[in-house]
C-alpha atoms as a PDB file:
ATOM      1  CA  MET A   1      -0.258   0.079   0.079  1.00  0.00           C
ATOM      2  CA  LYS A   2       1.673   3.337  -1.325  1.00  0.00           C
ATOM      3  CA  GLN A   3       1.519   6.044   1.397  1.00  0.00           C
ATOM      4  CA  GLY A   4      -1.036   8.421   0.307  1.00  0.00           C
ATOM      5  CA  SER A   5      -3.260   6.571  -1.645  1.00  0.00           C
ATOM      6  CA  PRO A   6      -7.373   7.012  -1.217  1.00  0.00           C
ATOM      7  CA  HIS A   7      -7.210   3.001   0.560  1.00  0.00           C
ATOM      8  CA  GLY A   8      -4.187   3.930   2.282  1.00  0.00           C
ATOM      9  CA  ARG A   9      -6.001   7.690   3.485  1.00  0.00           C
ATOM     10  CA  ARG A  10     -10.045   5.828   4.242  1.00  0.00           C
ATOM     11  CA  SER A  11      -8.242   3.500   6.629  1.00  0.00           C
ATOM     12  CA  SER A  12      -6.778   5.907   8.289  1.00  0.00           C
ATOM     13  CA  LEU A  13     -10.090   8.278   8.827  1.00  0.00           C
ATOM     14  CA  ARG A  14     -12.390   4.867   9.566  1.00  0.00           C
ATOM     15  CA  ARG A  15      -9.302   4.346  12.904  1.00  0.00           C
ATOM     16  CA  VAL A  16      -9.871   8.171  14.066  1.00  0.00           C
ATOM     17  CA  TRP A  17     -13.481   8.203  13.719  1.00  0.00           C
ATOM     18  CA  LYS A  18     -14.879   4.699  14.626  1.00  0.00           C
ATOM     19  CA  PRO A  19     -13.330   5.454  18.191  1.00  0.00           C
ATOM     20  CA  PHE A  20     -15.690   8.264  17.889  1.00  0.00           C
ATOM     21  CA  ILE A  21     -18.376   6.842  16.649  1.00  0.00           C
ATOM     22  CA  ARG A  22     -18.579   3.951  19.205  1.00  0.00           C
ATOM     23  CA  ARG A  23     -18.237   6.850  22.205  1.00  0.00           C
ATOM     24  CA  VAL A  24     -21.090   8.547  20.860  1.00  0.00           C
ATOM     25  CA  ARG A  25     -23.305   5.865  19.855  1.00  0.00           C
ATOM     26  CA  SER A  26     -22.658   3.833  23.455  1.00  0.00           C
ATOM     27  CA  VAL A  27     -25.281   6.280  25.539  1.00  0.00           C
ATOM     28  CA  PRO A  28     -29.012   5.663  23.003  1.00  0.00           C
ATOM     29  CA  GLU A  29     -27.126   1.698  23.041  1.00  0.00           C
ATOM     30  CA  ALA A  30     -27.057   2.128  26.977  1.00  0.00           C
ATOM     31  CA  PHE A  31     -30.812   3.738  27.127  1.00  0.00           C
ATOM     32  CA  PHE A  32     -32.311   0.674  24.659  1.00  0.00           C
ATOM     33  CA  ILE A  33     -30.795  -2.091  26.983  1.00  0.00           C
ATOM     34  CA  LEU A  34     -32.235  -0.712  29.960  1.00  0.00           C
ATOM     35  CA  LEU A  35     -35.688   0.241  28.652  1.00  0.00           C
ATOM     36  CA  GLY A  36     -35.590  -3.607  27.232  1.00  0.00           C
ATOM     37  CA  LEU A  37     -33.794  -5.307  31.048  1.00  0.00           C
ATOM     38  CA  LEU A  38     -36.682  -3.266  32.365  1.00  0.00           C
ATOM     39  CA  ILE A  39     -39.880  -3.544  29.936  1.00  0.00           C
ATOM     40  CA  ILE A  40     -39.900  -6.953  27.231  1.00  0.00           C
ATOM     41  CA  PRO A  41     -39.555  -9.417  30.703  1.00  0.00           C
ATOM     42  CA  LEU A  42     -42.645  -7.850  31.969  1.00  0.00           C
ATOM     43  CA  LEU A  43     -44.493  -8.872  28.252  1.00  0.00           C
ATOM     44  CA  PRO A  44     -46.821 -12.318  28.027  1.00  0.00           C
ATOM     45  CA  ARG A  45     -45.610 -15.083  25.618  1.00  0.00           C
ATOM     46  CA  ARG A  46     -47.587 -13.866  23.376  1.00  0.00           C
ATOM     47  CA  ALA A  47     -47.334 -10.695  23.404  1.00  0.00           C
ATOM     48  CA  ILE A  48     -43.239 -11.363  22.647  1.00  0.00           C
ATOM     49  CA  LEU A  49     -44.405 -13.295  19.484  1.00  0.00           C
ATOM     50  CA  ALA A  50     -46.509 -10.761  17.911  1.00  0.00           C
ATOM     51  CA  THR A  51     -44.132  -8.087  18.748  1.00  0.00           C
ATOM     52  CA  ALA A  52     -41.422  -9.866  17.190  1.00  0.00           C
ATOM     53  CA  ASN A  53     -44.221 -10.686  14.012  1.00  0.00           C
ATOM     54  CA  PHE A  54     -44.073  -6.952  13.524  1.00  0.00           C
ATOM     55  CA  LEU A  55     -40.447  -5.485  14.374  1.00  0.00           C
ATOM     56  CA  GLY A  56     -39.572  -9.164  11.611  1.00  0.00           C
ATOM     57  CA  ASP A  57     -42.090  -7.428   8.933  1.00  0.00           C
ATOM     58  CA  ALA A  58     -40.816  -3.998   9.724  1.00  0.00           C
ATOM     59  CA  PHE A  59     -37.168  -4.817   8.714  1.00  0.00           C
ATOM     60  CA  ASN A  60     -38.128  -7.058   6.197  1.00  0.00           C
ATOM     61  CA  ARG A  61     -39.213  -4.271   4.198  1.00  0.00           C
ATOM     62  CA  LEU A  62     -37.216  -1.301   5.882  1.00  0.00           C
ATOM     63  CA  ASP A  63     -34.106  -2.611   6.037  1.00  0.00           C
ATOM     64  CA  ARG A  64     -32.661  -2.859   2.306  1.00  0.00           C
ATOM     65  CA  HIS A  65     -29.415  -3.520   2.582  1.00  0.00           C
ATOM     66  CA  GLY A  66     -29.963  -6.748   5.139  1.00  0.00           C
ATOM     67  CA  ARG A  67     -32.547  -8.190   2.525  1.00  0.00           C
ATOM     68  CA  ARG A  68     -30.237  -8.144  -0.209  1.00  0.00           C
ATOM     69  CA  VAL A  69     -27.966  -9.520   2.091  1.00  0.00           C
ATOM     70  CA  ILE A  70     -30.004 -12.419   2.637  1.00  0.00           C
ATOM     71  CA  MET A  71     -31.718 -12.691  -0.839  1.00  0.00           C
ATOM     72  CA  ALA A  72     -28.091 -13.466  -2.259  1.00  0.00           C
ATOM     73  CA  ASN A  73     -27.054 -15.506   0.416  1.00  0.00           C
ATOM     74  CA  LEU A  74     -30.516 -17.929   0.027  1.00  0.00           C
ATOM     75  CA  GLN A  75     -29.407 -17.664  -4.325  1.00  0.00           C
ATOM     76  CA  VAL A  76     -25.592 -19.285  -3.537  1.00  0.00           C
ATOM     77  CA  VAL A  77     -27.405 -22.205  -1.190  1.00  0.00           C
ATOM     78  CA  PHE A  78     -30.570 -22.866  -2.741  1.00  0.00           C
ATOM     79  CA  GLY A  79     -30.260 -21.566  -6.398  1.00  0.00           C
ATOM     80  CA  PRO A  80     -33.222 -22.645  -8.856  1.00  0.00           C
ATOM     81  CA  GLU A  81     -34.149 -25.475  -6.139  1.00  0.00           C
ATOM     82  CA  LYS A  82     -36.106 -22.486  -4.153  1.00  0.00           C
ATOM     83  CA  GLN A  83     -38.055 -19.871  -6.885  1.00  0.00           C
ATOM     84  CA  PRO A  84     -38.288 -16.235  -6.014  1.00  0.00           C
ATOM     85  CA  GLY A  85     -41.235 -16.298  -4.147  1.00  0.00           C
ATOM     86  CA  GLU A  86     -41.109 -18.482  -2.189  1.00  0.00           C
ATOM     87  CA  ARG A  87     -36.997 -16.544  -1.297  1.00  0.00           C
ATOM     88  CA  ALA A  88     -39.241 -13.484  -0.665  1.00  0.00           C
ATOM     89  CA  ARG A  89     -41.597 -15.413   2.195  1.00  0.00           C
ATOM     90  CA  LEU A  90     -38.594 -17.491   3.635  1.00  0.00           C
ATOM     91  CA  ALA A  91     -36.831 -13.745   3.977  1.00  0.00           C
ATOM     92  CA  LYS A  92     -39.748 -12.695   6.210  1.00  0.00           C
ATOM     93  CA  ALA A  93     -39.994 -15.655   7.925  1.00  0.00           C
ATOM     94  CA  ILE A  94     -35.961 -15.160   8.466  1.00  0.00           C
ATOM     95  CA  ASN A  95     -36.611 -11.625   9.400  1.00  0.00           C
ATOM     96  CA  ARG A  96     -39.478 -13.000  12.397  1.00  0.00           C
ATOM     97  CA  HIS A  97     -37.491 -14.941  13.752  1.00  0.00           C
ATOM     98  CA  ALA A  98     -34.053 -12.855  14.266  1.00  0.00           C
ATOM     99  CA  ALA A  99     -36.423 -10.460  15.989  1.00  0.00           C
ATOM    100  CA  LEU A 100     -38.042 -13.303  17.750  1.00  0.00           C
ATOM    101  CA  VAL A 101     -34.500 -14.319  19.249  1.00  0.00           C
ATOM    102  CA  VAL A 102     -32.751 -10.400  20.010  1.00  0.00           C
ATOM    103  CA  LEU A 103     -36.435 -10.142  22.303  1.00  0.00           C
ATOM    104  CA  ASP A 104     -36.033 -14.047  23.728  1.00  0.00           C
ATOM    105  CA  LEU A 105     -32.043 -12.361  25.348  1.00  0.00           C
ATOM    106  CA  PHE A 106     -33.994  -9.790  27.278  1.00  0.00           C
ATOM    107  CA  TRP A 107     -37.350 -11.793  27.997  1.00  0.00           C
ATOM    108  CA  PHE A 108     -35.614 -14.601  29.303  1.00  0.00           C
ATOM    109  CA  SER A 109     -33.284 -12.319  31.262  1.00  0.00           C
ATOM    110  CA  ARG A 110     -36.124 -12.823  34.641  1.00  0.00           C
ATOM    111  CA  GLY A 111     -36.496 -15.464  36.091  1.00  0.00           C
ATOM    112  CA  THR A 112     -34.258 -17.072  33.688  1.00  0.00           C
ATOM    113  CA  ASN A 113     -34.174 -21.143  35.192  1.00  0.00           C
ATOM    114  CA  ARG A 114     -38.048 -21.333  35.258  1.00  0.00           C
ATOM    115  CA  ARG A 115     -38.802 -20.615  32.114  1.00  0.00           C
ATOM    116  CA  VAL A 116     -36.128 -22.080  30.332  1.00  0.00           C
ATOM    117  CA  LYS A 117     -37.478 -25.012  32.383  1.00  0.00           C
ATOM    118  CA  ARG A 118     -40.619 -24.197  30.620  1.00  0.00           C
ATOM    119  CA  TYR A 119     -40.730 -23.009  27.143  1.00  0.00           C
ATOM    120  CA  VAL A 120     -36.959 -24.981  26.555  1.00  0.00           C
ATOM    121  CA  SER A 121     -37.279 -28.952  25.881  1.00  0.00           C
ATOM    122  CA  THR A 122     -34.130 -31.114  25.876  1.00  0.00           C
ATOM    123  CA  ASP A 123     -33.978 -33.837  23.883  1.00  0.00           C
ATOM    124  CA  GLU A 124     -32.358 -37.697  26.337  1.00  0.00           C
ATOM    125  CA  ALA A 125     -28.342 -37.620  24.535  1.00  0.00           C
ATOM    126  CA  LEU A 126     -28.432 -34.350  24.827  1.00  0.00           C
ATOM    127  CA  VAL A 127     -29.243 -34.414  28.364  1.00  0.00           C
ATOM    128  CA  GLN A 128     -26.547 -37.031  29.185  1.00  0.00           C
ATOM    129  CA  VAL A 129     -23.814 -35.113  27.488  1.00  0.00           C
ATOM    130  CA  TYR A 130     -24.470 -32.198  30.126  1.00  0.00           C
ATOM    131  CA  SER A 131     -24.419 -34.445  32.739  1.00  0.00           C
ATOM    132  CA  ASP A 132     -22.100 -37.015  32.430  1.00  0.00           C
ATOM    133  CA  LYS A 133     -19.086 -34.932  33.352  1.00  0.00           C
ATOM    134  CA  GLN A 134     -17.266 -35.301  30.954  1.00  0.00           C
ATOM    135  CA  PRO A 135     -15.153 -32.483  28.801  1.00  0.00           C
ATOM    136  CA  HIS A 136     -17.412 -31.852  25.886  1.00  0.00           C
ATOM    137  CA  ILE A 137     -16.815 -29.367  22.902  1.00  0.00           C
ATOM    138  CA  MET A 138     -20.050 -27.844  21.879  1.00  0.00           C
ATOM    139  CA  VAL A 139     -20.711 -26.884  18.946  1.00  0.00           C
ATOM    140  CA  THR A 140     -23.806 -24.750  17.497  1.00  0.00           C
ATOM    141  CA  GLY A 141     -24.595 -21.574  15.403  1.00  0.00           C
ATOM    142  CA  HIS A 142     -26.417 -18.881  14.099  1.00  0.00           C
ATOM    143  CA  LEU A 143     -29.692 -21.132  14.266  1.00  0.00           C
ATOM    144  CA  GLY A 144     -32.553 -21.112  15.767  1.00  0.00           C
ATOM    145  CA  SER A 145     -32.189 -19.935  19.807  1.00  0.00           C
ATOM    146  CA  TRP A 146     -27.956 -19.943  20.542  1.00  0.00           C
ATOM    147  CA  GLU A 147     -28.944 -18.263  23.530  1.00  0.00           C
ATOM    148  CA  LEU A 148     -30.413 -20.478  24.364  1.00  0.00           C
ATOM    149  CA  ALA A 149     -28.943 -23.175  23.881  1.00  0.00           C
ATOM    150  CA  GLY A 150     -26.387 -22.086  26.452  1.00  0.00           C
ATOM    151  CA  GLN A 151     -28.742 -21.425  28.712  1.00  0.00           C
ATOM    152  CA  SER A 152     -30.107 -24.400  28.914  1.00  0.00           C
ATOM    153  CA  ALA A 153     -26.716 -26.774  28.822  1.00  0.00           C
ATOM    154  CA  THR A 154     -26.325 -25.716  32.528  1.00  0.00           C
ATOM    155  CA  LEU A 155     -29.294 -26.932  33.853  1.00  0.00           C
ATOM    156  CA  TYR A 156     -28.695 -30.447  33.884  1.00  0.00           C
ATOM    157  CA  GLY A 157     -25.205 -30.282  35.668  1.00  0.00           C
ATOM    158  CA  GLY A 158     -22.959 -29.558  33.860  1.00  0.00           C
ATOM    159  CA  SER A 159     -20.483 -26.342  33.594  1.00  0.00           C
ATOM    160  CA  LEU A 160     -20.092 -24.491  30.350  1.00  0.00           C
ATOM    161  CA  THR A 161     -17.191 -21.748  28.626  1.00  0.00           C
ATOM    162  CA  SER A 162     -18.551 -20.318  26.093  1.00  0.00           C
ATOM    163  CA  VAL A 163     -16.563 -17.658  23.642  1.00  0.00           C
ATOM    164  CA  TYR A 164     -18.050 -14.261  23.373  1.00  0.00           C
ATOM    165  CA  ALA A 165     -17.501 -11.489  20.750  1.00  0.00           C
ATOM    166  CA  LEU A 166     -17.139  -7.947  21.817  1.00  0.00           C
ATOM    167  CA  LEU A 167     -19.488  -6.143  20.209  1.00  0.00           C
ATOM    168  CA  GLY A 168     -21.070  -2.370  21.171  1.00  0.00           C
ATOM    169  CA  SER A 169     -20.024  -0.605  24.182  1.00  0.00           C
ATOM    170  CA  GLY A 170     -18.259  -1.400  27.231  1.00  0.00           C
ATOM    171  CA  PHE A 171     -21.916  -0.797  29.281  1.00  0.00           C
ATOM    172  CA  THR A 172     -23.609  -2.969  26.663  1.00  0.00           C
ATOM    173  CA  GLN A 173     -20.884  -5.955  27.064  1.00  0.00           C
ATOM    174  CA  LYS A 174     -21.034  -5.972  30.778  1.00  0.00           C
ATOM    175  CA  ILE A 175     -24.886  -6.177  30.709  1.00  0.00           C
ATOM    176  CA  MET A 176     -24.607  -8.715  28.204  1.00  0.00           C
ATOM    177  CA  ARG A 177     -22.546 -10.654  29.803  1.00  0.00           C
ATOM    178  CA  LEU A 178     -24.526 -10.608  33.181  1.00  0.00           C
ATOM    179  CA  VAL A 179     -27.600 -12.113  30.779  1.00  0.00           C
ATOM    180  CA  ARG A 180     -26.155 -14.756  29.337  1.00  0.00           C
ATOM    181  CA  GLN A 181     -24.240 -15.809  32.717  1.00  0.00           C
ATOM    182  CA  THR A 182     -27.701 -16.246  35.007  1.00  0.00           C
ATOM    183  CA  THR A 183     -27.458 -19.624  34.918  1.00  0.00           C
ATOM    184  CA  GLY A 184     -24.207 -20.478  35.388  1.00  0.00           C
ATOM    185  CA  GLN A 185     -22.923 -20.226  31.933  1.00  0.00           C
ATOM    186  CA  LYS A 186     -18.969 -18.622  32.033  1.00  0.00           C
ATOM    187  CA  LEU A 187     -17.798 -16.296  29.039  1.00  0.00           C
ATOM    188  CA  VAL A 188     -14.545 -16.021  27.463  1.00  0.00           C
ATOM    189  CA  PRO A 189     -13.193 -12.930  25.207  1.00  0.00           C
ATOM    190  CA  ARG A 190     -12.756 -14.933  21.383  1.00  0.00           C
ATOM    191  CA  GLU A 191      -9.585 -13.131  21.890  1.00  0.00           C
ATOM    192  CA  GLY A 192      -6.999 -15.120  23.313  1.00  0.00           C
ATOM    193  CA  ALA A 193      -9.766 -17.757  24.294  1.00  0.00           C
ATOM    194  CA  ALA A 194      -7.684 -20.737  23.155  1.00  0.00           C
ATOM    195  CA  ILE A 195      -6.186 -20.494  26.350  1.00  0.00           C
ATOM    196  CA  SER A 196      -9.041 -21.073  28.248  1.00  0.00           C
ATOM    197  CA  LEU A 197     -11.142 -23.299  26.349  1.00  0.00           C
ATOM    198  CA  LEU A 198      -8.510 -25.292  27.137  1.00  0.00           C
ATOM    199  CA  ARG A 199      -8.368 -25.168  30.931  1.00  0.00           C
ATOM    200  CA  ALA A 200     -11.718 -25.927  30.870  1.00  0.00           C
ATOM    201  CA  LEU A 201     -11.133 -29.401  28.818  1.00  0.00           C
ATOM    202  CA  HIS A 202      -8.625 -30.080  31.093  1.00  0.00           C
ATOM    203  CA  ASP A 203     -10.877 -29.302  34.307  1.00  0.00           C
ATOM    204  CA  GLY A 204     -13.866 -31.478  32.739  1.00  0.00           C
ATOM    205  CA  HIS A 205     -15.406 -29.024  32.003  1.00  0.00           C
ATOM    206  CA  MET A 206     -17.537 -27.959  28.122  1.00  0.00           C
ATOM    207  CA  VAL A 207     -17.018 -25.988  25.483  1.00  0.00           C
ATOM    208  CA  GLY A 208     -19.536 -23.527  23.511  1.00  0.00           C
ATOM    209  CA  LEU A 209     -18.435 -22.660  20.018  1.00  0.00           C
ATOM    210  CA  LEU A 210     -20.715 -20.800  17.367  1.00  0.00           C
ATOM    211  CA  LEU A 211     -18.675 -21.930  14.251  1.00  0.00           C
ATOM    212  CA  ASP A 212     -20.882 -20.492  11.517  1.00  0.00           C
ATOM    213  CA  GLN A 213     -19.267 -16.802  11.111  1.00  0.00           C
ATOM    214  CA  HIS A 214     -16.083 -15.578   8.973  1.00  0.00           C
ATOM    215  CA  THR A 215     -12.489 -16.425  10.163  1.00  0.00           C
ATOM    216  CA  ARG A 216      -9.484 -14.972   9.142  1.00  0.00           C
ATOM    217  CA  VAL A 217      -7.216 -17.605   7.295  1.00  0.00           C
ATOM    218  CA  ASN A 218      -4.446 -15.379   9.115  1.00  0.00           C
ATOM    219  CA  GLU A 219      -6.779 -15.720  12.464  1.00  0.00           C
ATOM    220  CA  GLY A 220      -7.117 -19.583  12.432  1.00  0.00           C
ATOM    221  CA  GLY A 221      -9.555 -19.665   9.598  1.00  0.00           C
ATOM    222  CA  VAL A 222      -8.988 -22.713   6.446  1.00  0.00           C
ATOM    223  CA  PHE A 223     -11.679 -22.873   3.587  1.00  0.00           C
ATOM    224  CA  VAL A 224     -13.865 -25.933   4.036  1.00  0.00           C
ATOM    225  CA  ASP A 225     -17.335 -25.903   1.540  1.00  0.00           C
ATOM    226  CA  PHE A 226     -19.844 -24.549   3.367  1.00  0.00           C
ATOM    227  CA  MET A 227     -23.815 -25.409   2.126  1.00  0.00           C
ATOM    228  CA  GLY A 228     -21.823 -25.928  -1.360  1.00  0.00           C
ATOM    229  CA  LEU A 229     -19.210 -23.092  -1.271  1.00  0.00           C
ATOM    230  CA  PRO A 230     -15.834 -22.585  -0.067  1.00  0.00           C
ATOM    231  CA  ALA A 231     -16.037 -20.281   3.193  1.00  0.00           C
ATOM    232  CA  THR A 232     -13.754 -19.799   6.330  1.00  0.00           C
ATOM    233  CA  VAL A 233     -14.103 -21.293   8.742  1.00  0.00           C
ATOM    234  CA  SER A 234     -12.391 -21.192  12.713  1.00  0.00           C
ATOM    235  CA  GLN A 235     -10.460 -24.168  13.455  1.00  0.00           C
ATOM    236  CA  ILE A 236     -10.350 -23.915  17.123  1.00  0.00           C
ATOM    237  CA  ALA A 237     -12.946 -26.258  17.092  1.00  0.00           C
ATOM    238  CA  ALA A 238     -11.410 -29.050  15.686  1.00  0.00           C
ATOM    239  CA  LYS A 239      -7.716 -28.223  17.554  1.00  0.00           C
ATOM    240  CA  LEU A 240      -9.362 -28.645  21.170  1.00  0.00           C
ATOM    241  CA  GLY A 241     -10.753 -31.760  20.057  1.00  0.00           C
ATOM    242  CA  ILE A 242      -7.577 -32.845  18.751  1.00  0.00           C
ATOM    243  CA  ARG A 243      -5.412 -32.148  21.797  1.00  0.00           C
ATOM    244  CA  ARG A 244      -7.661 -32.984  24.007  1.00  0.00           C
ATOM    245  CA  GLU A 245      -8.538 -35.888  22.672  1.00  0.00           C
ATOM    246  CA  VAL A 246     -12.551 -34.957  23.213  1.00  0.00           C
ATOM    247  CA  PRO A 247     -15.665 -35.313  21.298  1.00  0.00           C
ATOM    248  CA  ILE A 248     -16.963 -32.575  19.382  1.00  0.00           C
ATOM    249  CA  ASN A 249     -21.081 -32.419  19.550  1.00  0.00           C
ATOM    250  CA  ILE A 250     -23.327 -30.362  16.965  1.00  0.00           C
ATOM    251  CA  ALA A 251     -26.083 -29.382  18.662  1.00  0.00           C
ATOM    252  CA  ARG A 252     -29.026 -26.876  18.695  1.00  0.00           C
ATOM    253  CA  CYS A 253     -32.087 -25.006  19.840  1.00  0.00           C
ATOM    254  CA  LEU A 254     -35.242 -25.062  17.597  1.00  0.00           C
ATOM    255  CA  HIS A 255     -37.998 -22.596  17.769  1.00  0.00           C
ATOM    256  CA  THR A 256     -40.512 -25.386  17.771  1.00  0.00           C
ATOM    257  CA  GLY A 257     -43.858 -22.528  17.712  1.00  0.00           C
ATOM    258  CA  ASN A 258     -45.602 -20.869  19.702  1.00  0.00           C
ATOM    259  CA  GLY A 259     -42.542 -19.905  21.768  1.00  0.00           C
ATOM    260  CA  HIS A 260     -41.003 -23.404  22.769  1.00  0.00           C
ATOM    261  CA  TYR A 261     -38.188 -24.346  21.769  1.00  0.00           C
ATOM    262  CA  HIS A 262     -36.535 -27.637  21.897  1.00  0.00           C
ATOM    263  CA  THR A 263     -32.848 -28.370  21.294  1.00  0.00           C
ATOM    264  CA  GLU A 264     -30.980 -31.829  20.407  1.00  0.00           C
ATOM    265  CA  LEU A 265     -27.729 -33.884  19.544  1.00  0.00           C
ATOM    266  CA  VAL A 266     -27.306 -33.308  15.746  1.00  0.00           C
ATOM    267  CA  GLN A 267     -23.709 -35.095  15.471  1.00  0.00           C
ATOM    268  CA  SER A 268     -21.336 -36.461  17.949  1.00  0.00           C
ATOM    269  CA  ILE A 269     -17.933 -36.350  15.600  1.00  0.00           C
ATOM    270  CA  ASP A 270     -14.754 -38.763  17.715  1.00  0.00           C
ATOM    271  CA  VAL A 271     -11.371 -36.924  17.167  1.00  0.00           C
ATOM    272  CA  HIS A 272      -8.233 -38.864  18.261  1.00  0.00           C
ATOM    273  CA  ARG A 273      -4.120 -37.244  18.226  1.00  0.00           C
ATOM    274  CA  GLY A 274      -3.061 -37.023  14.145  1.00  0.00           C
ATOM    275  CA  ASP A 275      -6.849 -36.368  13.165  1.00  0.00           C
ATOM    276  CA  ASN A 276      -6.382 -33.899  10.152  1.00  0.00           C
ATOM    277  CA  PRO A 277      -7.909 -30.014  11.647  1.00  0.00           C
ATOM    278  CA  ALA A 278      -9.334 -29.327   8.375  1.00  0.00           C
ATOM    279  CA  GLU A 279     -10.313 -32.532   7.658  1.00  0.00           C
ATOM    280  CA  VAL A 280     -12.367 -32.211  10.864  1.00  0.00           C
ATOM    281  CA  THR A 281     -13.690 -28.624  10.571  1.00  0.00           C
ATOM    282  CA  GLN A 282     -14.660 -29.990   7.459  1.00  0.00           C
ATOM    283  CA  ARG A 283     -17.185 -32.348   8.697  1.00  0.00           C
ATOM    284  CA  ILE A 284     -18.385 -29.423  11.219  1.00  0.00           C
ATOM    285  CA  ALA A 285     -19.743 -27.732   8.183  1.00  0.00           C
ATOM    286  CA  ASP A 286     -21.030 -30.176   6.416  1.00  0.00           C
ATOM    287  CA  ALA A 287     -23.080 -31.084   9.894  1.00  0.00           C
ATOM    288  CA  LEU A 288     -24.431 -27.507  10.724  1.00  0.00           C
ATOM    289  CA  GLY A 289     -24.966 -26.745   7.030  1.00  0.00           C
ATOM    290  CA  ALA A 290     -26.989 -29.681   6.957  1.00  0.00           C
ATOM    291  CA  ALA A 291     -29.077 -28.807   9.739  1.00  0.00           C
ATOM    292  CA  ILE A 292     -29.803 -25.237   8.821  1.00  0.00           C
ATOM    293  CA  ARG A 293     -31.294 -26.580   5.102  1.00  0.00           C
ATOM    294  CA  GLU A 294     -33.353 -28.628   7.486  1.00  0.00           C
ATOM    295  CA  THR A 295     -34.623 -25.236   8.306  1.00  0.00           C
ATOM    296  CA  PRO A 296     -33.209 -22.360   6.515  1.00  0.00           C
ATOM    297  CA  GLU A 297     -36.102 -19.557   8.830  1.00  0.00           C
ATOM    298  CA  GLN A 298     -34.371 -19.914  12.050  1.00  0.00           C
ATOM    299  CA  TRP A 299     -30.648 -19.465  10.385  1.00  0.00           C
ATOM    300  CA  PHE A 300     -29.395 -15.532   9.796  1.00  0.00           C
ATOM    301  CA  TRP A 301     -29.182 -14.980   6.506  1.00  0.00           C
ATOM    302  CA  MET A 302     -28.635 -11.156   6.497  1.00  0.00           C
ATOM    303  CA  TYR A 303     -24.973 -12.144   7.824  1.00  0.00           C
ATOM    304  CA  ARG A 304     -22.140 -11.760   4.550  1.00  0.00           C
ATOM    305  CA  ARG A 305     -20.911 -15.311   5.049  1.00  0.00           C
ATOM    306  CA  TRP A 306     -19.291 -15.835   1.870  1.00  0.00           C
ATOM    307  CA  LYS A 307     -17.228 -12.516   2.192  1.00  0.00           C
ATOM    308  CA  HIS A 308     -13.775 -14.136   0.201  1.00  0.00           C
ATOM    309  CA  VAL A 309     -13.317 -15.686  -3.545  1.00  0.00           C
ATOM    310  CA  LYS A 310     -11.050 -18.549  -2.693  1.00  0.00           C
ATOM    311  CA  PRO A 311      -8.381 -18.406  -5.189  1.00  0.00           C
ATOM    312  CA  GLY A 312     -10.010 -20.756  -8.767  1.00  0.00           C
ATOM    313  CA  TYR A 313     -13.026 -20.137  -7.967  1.00  0.00           C
ATOM    314  CA  ASP A 314     -15.695 -18.684 -10.438  1.00  0.00           C
ATOM    315  CA  PRO A 315     -16.462 -15.060  -8.539  1.00  0.00           C
ATOM    316  CA  GLN A 316     -19.574 -15.334 -10.209  1.00  0.00           C
ATOM    317  CA  ARG A 317     -20.491 -18.154  -8.036  1.00  0.00           C
ATOM    318  CA  TYR A 318     -20.175 -15.932  -4.871  1.00  0.00           C
ATOM    319  CA  PRO A 319     -22.960 -13.338  -3.993  1.00  0.00           C
ATOM    320  CA  TYR A 320     -22.124  -9.675  -4.978  1.00  0.00           C
ATOM    321  CA  TYR A 321     -20.453  -8.626  -1.374  1.00  0.00           C
ATOM    322  CA  ALA A 322     -17.687 -10.786  -1.904  1.00  0.00           C
ATOM    323  CA  ARG A 323     -13.905  -9.437  -2.988  1.00  0.00           C
ATOM    324  CA  PRO A 324     -11.228 -12.257  -4.394  1.00  0.00           C
ATOM    325  CA  PHE A 325      -9.337 -13.442  -1.191  1.00  0.00           C
ATOM    326  CA  ASN A 326      -5.602 -11.844  -0.115  1.00  0.00           C
ATOM    327  CA  PRO A 327      -3.528 -14.058   1.736  1.00  0.00           C
ATOM    328  CA  GLU A 328      -1.375 -10.812   3.639  1.00  0.00           C
ATOM    329  CA  HIS A 329      -4.308  -9.165   4.305  1.00  0.00           C
ATOM    330  CA  ASP A 330      -7.585 -12.119   4.650  1.00  0.00           C
END
């Protein structure tokens, strides 16, 4: 990058403006979070569902950028399998579900144990994993309610350590950590998480990971096939599993209707020392992709999942937002 180039100047401006924007945004952000924590838990369950539908429909109409990403991602995965009208109906359902997930983060913050026990059921195979007091790696994605998946896991006597991303202001991060740790779940920041996760496995605890988001290759990601198109996925679950020789369990917590959820074990992958982390990561991606295809209305399709075009692949196969992979920066 030559000094004084337009791209370099834009990068410098972003470094200056981003901290300022975060500080300005933190005040209304904190206000709405506190307001949500005070009001949303008081609403009856049927009001939460109705509000989620209303907000989801509003976002579906007004958020053109998010809708464009959803439609592009659906085209990548389903192609001619789903016609434009069907993809449009699916986009509406996706936004409704996303609104429900956000509202439920607040609604389950009060009387958490009682509400989780009433509204979240768990299959027997997963109960056994939670209660056997052995180290396990639990993997899910932004499918169904990953928040409730983590909260319900600790109700069966298990100890769960999960990774979280640093999003929003410091106040927002503190409030969200308190909400997520209500049932005893432990949280560690994504940056430098590997040591904490290895320690948790060594102590016989479960580790929870979300593995359906983009991870830079220079930060431990690897290109694998994800629902028919190469995308980068973190290898942390595979590397932890191989190093500690503990099973990797793929689970999901799906909304089953009327405000109820069901958590189930999708697949258990046994790993051993000497296994290839990239191959294990591909198996994880296959299991997550199959689960998403079964209930596409409950995945966060508004996320720009396929950000980089893998070398040697036709860029036309990728969504509009993808750019060529640059090994020096990506």
